[in-house]
């Protein structure tokens, strides 16, 4: 099946969307109303938990440029290992389930236009650089059943990304409470210990060389 590009928009349109998102500090991302559901997450991480994350994040700053220039370093170490969602068979998972892997966590929904635009690029990024040390973990937060999510993945040939869901919107809500999410999409680069390295609100061209270089640098740390 040939991958269908959502709405026929070229990559430049996605670039412009990302630029606008940066200028308006997340306002160009689709606003999400908090649903009031919980999701396990600790407070700001202790030095023992994520002490090395600050230095690792600083080492990545030269790679947060071009198409991924909006990626920013958190002001303090944050552990995201307890952020939870479900896998393809409904099994409970968390970022901690990916221990040993660098993770690009993306939170998206089928009704979010910028999310739909960047999903094929995230799929391409996983195809290009995904391995036993790195994975794109795209968590869908559509409420209700899986019908729309699965139909979208089939229609647009999203075949390299694992199937991850949270129909309670808990993933988004807990990131919002941590000051990391203002709307959709939101993307976070997390190290192999579950510690946040950088994050951004709004879309990006994730199949660009800038994105690949950032991922490769993070995986090599």
C-alpha atoms as a PDB file:
ATOM      1  CA  UNK A   1       0.000   0.000   0.000  1.00  0.00           C
ATOM      2  CA  UNK A   2       1.293   3.420  -0.926  1.00  0.00           C
ATOM      3  CA  UNK A   3       1.449   5.822   1.983  1.00  0.00           C
ATOM      4  CA  UNK A   4      -1.115   8.567   1.618  1.00  0.00           C
ATOM      5  CA  UNK A   5       0.051  12.035   2.608  1.00  0.00           C
ATOM      6  CA  UNK A   6      -2.614  13.641   4.816  1.00  0.00           C
ATOM      7  CA  UNK A   7      -4.529  16.383   2.961  1.00  0.00           C
ATOM      8  CA  UNK A   8      -1.803  16.504   0.295  1.00  0.00           C
ATOM      9  CA  UNK A   9       0.115  19.178   2.212  1.00  0.00           C
ATOM     10  CA  UNK A  10       3.818  19.440   1.322  1.00  0.00           C
ATOM     11  CA  UNK A  11       6.597  19.311   3.900  1.00  0.00           C
ATOM     12  CA  UNK A  12       6.979  23.104   3.645  1.00  0.00           C
ATOM     13  CA  UNK A  13       3.454  23.515   5.017  1.00  0.00           C
ATOM     14  CA  UNK A  14       4.425  21.446   8.020  1.00  0.00           C
ATOM     15  CA  UNK A  15       7.540  23.579   8.432  1.00  0.00           C
ATOM     16  CA  UNK A  16       5.376  26.702   8.462  1.00  0.00           C
ATOM     17  CA  UNK A  17       2.997  25.156  10.968  1.00  0.00           C
ATOM     18  CA  UNK A  18       5.944  24.363  13.207  1.00  0.00           C
ATOM     19  CA  UNK A  19       7.305  27.888  12.868  1.00  0.00           C
ATOM     20  CA  UNK A  20       3.970  29.424  13.776  1.00  0.00           C
ATOM     21  CA  UNK A  21       3.717  27.078  16.767  1.00  0.00           C
ATOM     22  CA  UNK A  22       7.057  28.344  18.000  1.00  0.00           C
ATOM     23  CA  UNK A  23       6.196  32.010  17.529  1.00  0.00           C
ATOM     24  CA  UNK A  24       2.892  31.725  19.365  1.00  0.00           C
ATOM     25  CA  UNK A  25       4.405  29.543  22.116  1.00  0.00           C
ATOM     26  CA  UNK A  26       2.263  26.528  21.436  1.00  0.00           C
ATOM     27  CA  UNK A  27      -0.921  28.354  20.424  1.00  0.00           C
ATOM     28  CA  UNK A  28      -0.749  26.854  16.950  1.00  0.00           C
ATOM     29  CA  UNK A  29      -0.949  23.390  18.448  1.00  0.00           C
ATOM     30  CA  UNK A  30      -4.467  22.057  18.900  1.00  0.00           C
ATOM     31  CA  UNK A  31      -5.768  22.997  22.359  1.00  0.00           C
ATOM     32  CA  UNK A  32      -6.805  20.066  24.532  1.00  0.00           C
ATOM     33  CA  UNK A  33      -9.147  20.422  27.485  1.00  0.00           C
ATOM     34  CA  UNK A  34      -8.035  18.444  30.529  1.00  0.00           C
ATOM     35  CA  UNK A  35     -10.263  15.417  30.986  1.00  0.00           C
ATOM     36  CA  UNK A  36      -9.547  14.940  34.679  1.00  0.00           C
ATOM     37  CA  UNK A  37      -8.039  11.467  34.444  1.00  0.00           C
ATOM     38  CA  UNK A  38      -4.870  10.520  36.266  1.00  0.00           C
ATOM     39  CA  UNK A  39      -1.603   8.980  35.134  1.00  0.00           C
ATOM     40  CA  UNK A  40       1.293   7.977  37.328  1.00  0.00           C
ATOM     41  CA  UNK A  41       4.269  10.342  37.323  1.00  0.00           C
ATOM     42  CA  UNK A  42       6.699  11.478  39.950  1.00  0.00           C
ATOM     43  CA  UNK A  43       7.604  15.032  40.819  1.00  0.00           C
ATOM     44  CA  UNK A  44      10.791  16.660  39.589  1.00  0.00           C
ATOM     45  CA  UNK A  45      13.400  13.912  39.614  1.00  0.00           C
ATOM     46  CA  UNK A  46      16.008  13.664  42.312  1.00  0.00           C
ATOM     47  CA  UNK A  47      19.705  13.856  41.477  1.00  0.00           C
ATOM     48  CA  UNK A  48      19.930  10.093  41.918  1.00  0.00           C
ATOM     49  CA  UNK A  49      17.149   9.449  39.398  1.00  0.00           C
ATOM     50  CA  UNK A  50      18.118  11.813  36.604  1.00  0.00           C
ATOM     51  CA  UNK A  51      21.296  13.483  37.775  1.00  0.00           C
ATOM     52  CA  UNK A  52      23.132  12.869  34.510  1.00  0.00           C
ATOM     53  CA  UNK A  53      20.214  14.005  32.341  1.00  0.00           C
ATOM     54  CA  UNK A  54      21.112  17.682  32.666  1.00  0.00           C
ATOM     55  CA  UNK A  55      24.579  17.133  31.213  1.00  0.00           C
ATOM     56  CA  UNK A  56      23.208  14.839  28.510  1.00  0.00           C
ATOM     57  CA  UNK A  57      20.572  17.389  27.558  1.00  0.00           C
ATOM     58  CA  UNK A  58      23.200  20.136  27.383  1.00  0.00           C
ATOM     59  CA  UNK A  59      25.289  17.976  25.058  1.00  0.00           C
ATOM     60  CA  UNK A  60      22.333  17.820  22.660  1.00  0.00           C
ATOM     61  CA  UNK A  61      21.870  21.597  22.330  1.00  0.00           C
ATOM     62  CA  UNK A  62      24.042  21.825  19.183  1.00  0.00           C
ATOM     63  CA  UNK A  63      21.647  19.350  17.536  1.00  0.00           C
ATOM     64  CA  UNK A  64      18.439  21.253  18.354  1.00  0.00           C
ATOM     65  CA  UNK A  65      18.470  23.330  15.200  1.00  0.00           C
ATOM     66  CA  UNK A  66      16.781  23.606  11.834  1.00  0.00           C
ATOM     67  CA  UNK A  67      13.610  21.510  11.748  1.00  0.00           C
ATOM     68  CA  UNK A  68      13.938  20.605  15.443  1.00  0.00           C
ATOM     69  CA  UNK A  69      15.044  24.020  16.758  1.00  0.00           C
ATOM     70  CA  UNK A  70      11.921  24.207  18.944  1.00  0.00           C
ATOM     71  CA  UNK A  71      13.142  21.338  21.124  1.00  0.00           C
ATOM     72  CA  UNK A  72      14.025  22.862  24.498  1.00  0.00           C
ATOM     73  CA  UNK A  73      15.782  21.573  27.603  1.00  0.00           C
ATOM     74  CA  UNK A  74      13.739  21.357  30.839  1.00  0.00           C
ATOM     75  CA  UNK A  75      14.838  23.752  33.616  1.00  0.00           C
ATOM     76  CA  UNK A  76      15.219  20.837  36.045  1.00  0.00           C
ATOM     77  CA  UNK A  77      15.647  17.060  35.663  1.00  0.00           C
ATOM     78  CA  UNK A  78      12.302  15.294  35.243  1.00  0.00           C
ATOM     79  CA  UNK A  79      11.653  11.552  35.371  1.00  0.00           C
ATOM     80  CA  UNK A  80       8.913  10.350  33.003  1.00  0.00           C
ATOM     81  CA  UNK A  81       9.395   6.631  33.557  1.00  0.00           C
ATOM     82  CA  UNK A  82       5.997   6.269  35.279  1.00  0.00           C
ATOM     83  CA  UNK A  83       3.975   7.877  32.464  1.00  0.00           C
ATOM     84  CA  UNK A  84       1.588   5.085  31.512  1.00  0.00           C
ATOM     85  CA  UNK A  85      -0.494   3.983  28.515  1.00  0.00           C
ATOM     86  CA  UNK A  86      -1.478   0.736  26.804  1.00  0.00           C
ATOM     87  CA  UNK A  87       0.037  -1.427  24.099  1.00  0.00           C
ATOM     88  CA  UNK A  88      -1.462  -3.139  21.057  1.00  0.00           C
ATOM     89  CA  UNK A  89      -3.137  -5.878  23.095  1.00  0.00           C
ATOM     90  CA  UNK A  90      -4.317  -3.535  25.816  1.00  0.00           C
ATOM     91  CA  UNK A  91      -1.452  -4.458  28.118  1.00  0.00           C
ATOM     92  CA  UNK A  92      -0.351  -1.743  30.561  1.00  0.00           C
ATOM     93  CA  UNK A  93       2.928  -0.063  29.653  1.00  0.00           C
ATOM     94  CA  UNK A  94       4.934   2.918  30.821  1.00  0.00           C
ATOM     95  CA  UNK A  95       8.045   4.758  29.680  1.00  0.00           C
ATOM     96  CA  UNK A  96       9.828   2.565  32.205  1.00  0.00           C
ATOM     97  CA  UNK A  97       8.898  -0.425  30.011  1.00  0.00           C
ATOM     98  CA  UNK A  98      11.393   0.923  27.459  1.00  0.00           C
ATOM     99  CA  UNK A  99      14.337   1.018  29.883  1.00  0.00           C
ATOM    100  CA  UNK A 100      17.594   0.841  27.952  1.00  0.00           C
ATOM    101  CA  UNK A 101      16.087   2.644  24.940  1.00  0.00           C
ATOM    102  CA  UNK A 102      16.120   6.314  24.037  1.00  0.00           C
ATOM    103  CA  UNK A 103      12.470   7.202  23.318  1.00  0.00           C
ATOM    104  CA  UNK A 104      10.839   9.928  21.247  1.00  0.00           C
ATOM    105  CA  UNK A 105       7.425  10.148  22.918  1.00  0.00           C
ATOM    106  CA  UNK A 106       4.789  11.765  20.719  1.00  0.00           C
ATOM    107  CA  UNK A 107       1.232  12.395  21.951  1.00  0.00           C
ATOM    108  CA  UNK A 108      -1.310  12.736  19.152  1.00  0.00           C
ATOM    109  CA  UNK A 109      -4.958  12.364  18.115  1.00  0.00           C
ATOM    110  CA  UNK A 110      -6.709  11.717  14.811  1.00  0.00           C
ATOM    111  CA  UNK A 111      -8.711  14.958  15.135  1.00  0.00           C
ATOM    112  CA  UNK A 112      -5.532  17.052  15.446  1.00  0.00           C
ATOM    113  CA  UNK A 113      -4.540  18.306  11.980  1.00  0.00           C
ATOM    114  CA  UNK A 114      -0.848  18.994  12.779  1.00  0.00           C
ATOM    115  CA  UNK A 115      -0.653  15.536  14.384  1.00  0.00           C
ATOM    116  CA  UNK A 116      -2.013  13.899  11.248  1.00  0.00           C
ATOM    117  CA  UNK A 117       0.497  15.818   9.157  1.00  0.00           C
ATOM    118  CA  UNK A 118       3.531  14.642  11.084  1.00  0.00           C
ATOM    119  CA  UNK A 119       2.586  10.988  11.655  1.00  0.00           C
ATOM    120  CA  UNK A 120       3.988   9.771   8.293  1.00  0.00           C
ATOM    121  CA  UNK A 121       7.242  11.602   9.115  1.00  0.00           C
ATOM    122  CA  UNK A 122       7.406   9.924  12.531  1.00  0.00           C
ATOM    123  CA  UNK A 123       6.774   6.600  10.813  1.00  0.00           C
ATOM    124  CA  UNK A 124       9.647   7.336   8.416  1.00  0.00           C
ATOM    125  CA  UNK A 125      11.927   8.304  11.314  1.00  0.00           C
ATOM    126  CA  UNK A 126      11.246   4.993  13.044  1.00  0.00           C
ATOM    127  CA  UNK A 127      11.886   3.148   9.786  1.00  0.00           C
ATOM    128  CA  UNK A 128      15.170   5.000   9.282  1.00  0.00           C
ATOM    129  CA  UNK A 129      16.744   4.989  12.746  1.00  0.00           C
ATOM    130  CA  UNK A 130      14.603   2.749  14.957  1.00  0.00           C
ATOM    131  CA  UNK A 131      16.535  -0.099  16.562  1.00  0.00           C
ATOM    132  CA  UNK A 132      17.098  -1.848  19.881  1.00  0.00           C
ATOM    133  CA  UNK A 133      18.396   1.434  21.337  1.00  0.00           C
ATOM    134  CA  UNK A 134      15.784   3.854  19.986  1.00  0.00           C
ATOM    135  CA  UNK A 135      12.035   3.895  19.360  1.00  0.00           C
ATOM    136  CA  UNK A 136       9.402   6.418  18.371  1.00  0.00           C
ATOM    137  CA  UNK A 137       6.577   5.857  20.856  1.00  0.00           C
ATOM    138  CA  UNK A 138       3.515   7.606  19.409  1.00  0.00           C
ATOM    139  CA  UNK A 139       0.643   7.455  21.902  1.00  0.00           C
ATOM    140  CA  UNK A 140      -2.817   8.159  20.530  1.00  0.00           C
ATOM    141  CA  UNK A 141      -5.265   9.828  22.948  1.00  0.00           C
ATOM    142  CA  UNK A 142      -8.539   9.595  21.020  1.00  0.00           C
ATOM    143  CA  UNK A 143     -11.333   8.817  23.477  1.00  0.00           C
ATOM    144  CA  UNK A 144     -13.613   5.878  22.795  1.00  0.00           C
ATOM    145  CA  UNK A 145     -12.679   2.733  20.920  1.00  0.00           C
ATOM    146  CA  UNK A 146      -9.801   1.985  18.528  1.00  0.00           C
ATOM    147  CA  UNK A 147     -11.753   2.276  15.268  1.00  0.00           C
ATOM    148  CA  UNK A 148     -10.632   5.752  14.139  1.00  0.00           C
ATOM    149  CA  UNK A 149      -7.032   5.243  15.226  1.00  0.00           C
ATOM    150  CA  UNK A 150      -6.661   1.939  13.396  1.00  0.00           C
ATOM    151  CA  UNK A 151      -8.413   3.277  10.290  1.00  0.00           C
ATOM    152  CA  UNK A 152      -6.043   6.257  10.161  1.00  0.00           C
ATOM    153  CA  UNK A 153      -2.973   4.025  10.521  1.00  0.00           C
ATOM    154  CA  UNK A 154      -4.197   1.776   7.712  1.00  0.00           C
ATOM    155  CA  UNK A 155      -5.146   4.622   5.361  1.00  0.00           C
ATOM    156  CA  UNK A 156      -1.814   6.398   5.749  1.00  0.00           C
ATOM    157  CA  UNK A 157       0.372   3.288   5.944  1.00  0.00           C
ATOM    158  CA  UNK A 158       1.635   3.909   9.471  1.00  0.00           C
ATOM    159  CA  UNK A 159       3.309   0.521   9.576  1.00  0.00           C
ATOM    160  CA  UNK A 160       6.580   1.030  11.477  1.00  0.00           C
ATOM    161  CA  UNK A 161       5.259   2.588  14.673  1.00  0.00           C
ATOM    162  CA  UNK A 162       4.120   0.435  17.561  1.00  0.00           C
ATOM    163  CA  UNK A 163       0.446   0.727  18.513  1.00  0.00           C
ATOM    164  CA  UNK A 164       0.139   2.697  21.749  1.00  0.00           C
ATOM    165  CA  UNK A 165      -3.094   4.155  23.164  1.00  0.00           C
ATOM    166  CA  UNK A 166      -4.489   6.065  26.123  1.00  0.00           C
ATOM    167  CA  UNK A 167      -8.176   6.793  25.666  1.00  0.00           C
ATOM    168  CA  UNK A 168      -8.344   8.446  29.117  1.00  0.00           C
ATOM    169  CA  UNK A 169      -6.052  11.268  27.903  1.00  0.00           C
ATOM    170  CA  UNK A 170      -4.020  10.679  31.052  1.00  0.00           C
ATOM    171  CA  UNK A 171      -0.703  10.964  29.201  1.00  0.00           C
ATOM    172  CA  UNK A 172      -1.540  14.465  28.015  1.00  0.00           C
ATOM    173  CA  UNK A 173      -2.964  15.567  31.344  1.00  0.00           C
ATOM    174  CA  UNK A 174       0.083  14.559  33.346  1.00  0.00           C
ATOM    175  CA  UNK A 175       2.427  16.289  30.888  1.00  0.00           C
ATOM    176  CA  UNK A 176       0.242  19.374  31.100  1.00  0.00           C
ATOM    177  CA  UNK A 177       0.509  19.380  34.890  1.00  0.00           C
ATOM    178  CA  UNK A 178       4.286  19.205  34.556  1.00  0.00           C
ATOM    179  CA  UNK A 179       4.208  22.261  32.264  1.00  0.00           C
ATOM    180  CA  UNK A 180       5.353  20.182  29.287  1.00  0.00           C
ATOM    181  CA  UNK A 181       2.180  20.108  27.180  1.00  0.00           C
ATOM    182  CA  UNK A 182      -0.021  23.006  26.036  1.00  0.00           C
ATOM    183  CA  UNK A 183      -1.797  21.316  23.122  1.00  0.00           C
ATOM    184  CA  UNK A 184      -1.266  18.678  20.469  1.00  0.00           C
ATOM    185  CA  UNK A 185       1.045  17.423  19.206  1.00  0.00           C
ATOM    186  CA  UNK A 186       3.639  17.346  21.971  1.00  0.00           C
ATOM    187  CA  UNK A 187       6.925  15.475  21.561  1.00  0.00           C
ATOM    188  CA  UNK A 188       9.517  14.594  24.198  1.00  0.00           C
ATOM    189  CA  UNK A 189      12.964  13.090  23.841  1.00  0.00           C
ATOM    190  CA  UNK A 190      13.612  10.765  26.793  1.00  0.00           C
ATOM    191  CA  UNK A 191      16.845   8.995  27.671  1.00  0.00           C
ATOM    192  CA  UNK A 192      17.325   5.296  28.377  1.00  0.00           C
ATOM    193  CA  UNK A 193      16.615   5.846  32.082  1.00  0.00           C
ATOM    194  CA  UNK A 194      13.274   7.547  31.523  1.00  0.00           C
ATOM    195  CA  UNK A 195      14.635  11.063  32.091  1.00  0.00           C
ATOM    196  CA  UNK A 196      13.532  13.991  29.924  1.00  0.00           C
ATOM    197  CA  UNK A 197      16.193  15.451  27.640  1.00  0.00           C
ATOM    198  CA  UNK A 198      14.144  17.937  25.594  1.00  0.00           C
ATOM    199  CA  UNK A 199      10.571  18.676  24.552  1.00  0.00           C
ATOM    200  CA  UNK A 200       8.476  20.733  22.161  1.00  0.00           C
ATOM    201  CA  UNK A 201       4.853  21.630  21.519  1.00  0.00           C
ATOM    202  CA  UNK A 202       3.666  21.747  17.924  1.00  0.00           C
ATOM    203  CA  UNK A 203       4.647  19.784  14.806  1.00  0.00           C
ATOM    204  CA  UNK A 204       8.063  19.189  13.290  1.00  0.00           C
ATOM    205  CA  UNK A 205       9.487  17.528  10.186  1.00  0.00           C
ATOM    206  CA  UNK A 206      10.579  14.359  11.963  1.00  0.00           C
ATOM    207  CA  UNK A 207      11.960  12.632   8.879  1.00  0.00           C
ATOM    208  CA  UNK A 208      14.422  15.504   8.279  1.00  0.00           C
ATOM    209  CA  UNK A 209      18.178  15.153   8.621  1.00  0.00           C
ATOM    210  CA  UNK A 210      18.037  17.536  11.589  1.00  0.00           C
ATOM    211  CA  UNK A 211      15.687  15.174  13.434  1.00  0.00           C
ATOM    212  CA  UNK A 212      17.744  12.107  12.565  1.00  0.00           C
ATOM    213  CA  UNK A 213      20.948  13.774  13.743  1.00  0.00           C
ATOM    214  CA  UNK A 214      19.306  14.735  17.037  1.00  0.00           C
ATOM    215  CA  UNK A 215      18.111  11.188  17.619  1.00  0.00           C
ATOM    216  CA  UNK A 216      21.465   9.671  16.727  1.00  0.00           C
ATOM    217  CA  UNK A 217      23.241  12.069  19.072  1.00  0.00           C
ATOM    218  CA  UNK A 218      20.845  11.265  21.919  1.00  0.00           C
ATOM    219  CA  UNK A 219      21.222   7.526  21.392  1.00  0.00           C
ATOM    220  CA  UNK A 220      25.009   7.792  21.415  1.00  0.00           C
ATOM    221  CA  UNK A 221      25.164   9.595  24.797  1.00  0.00           C
END
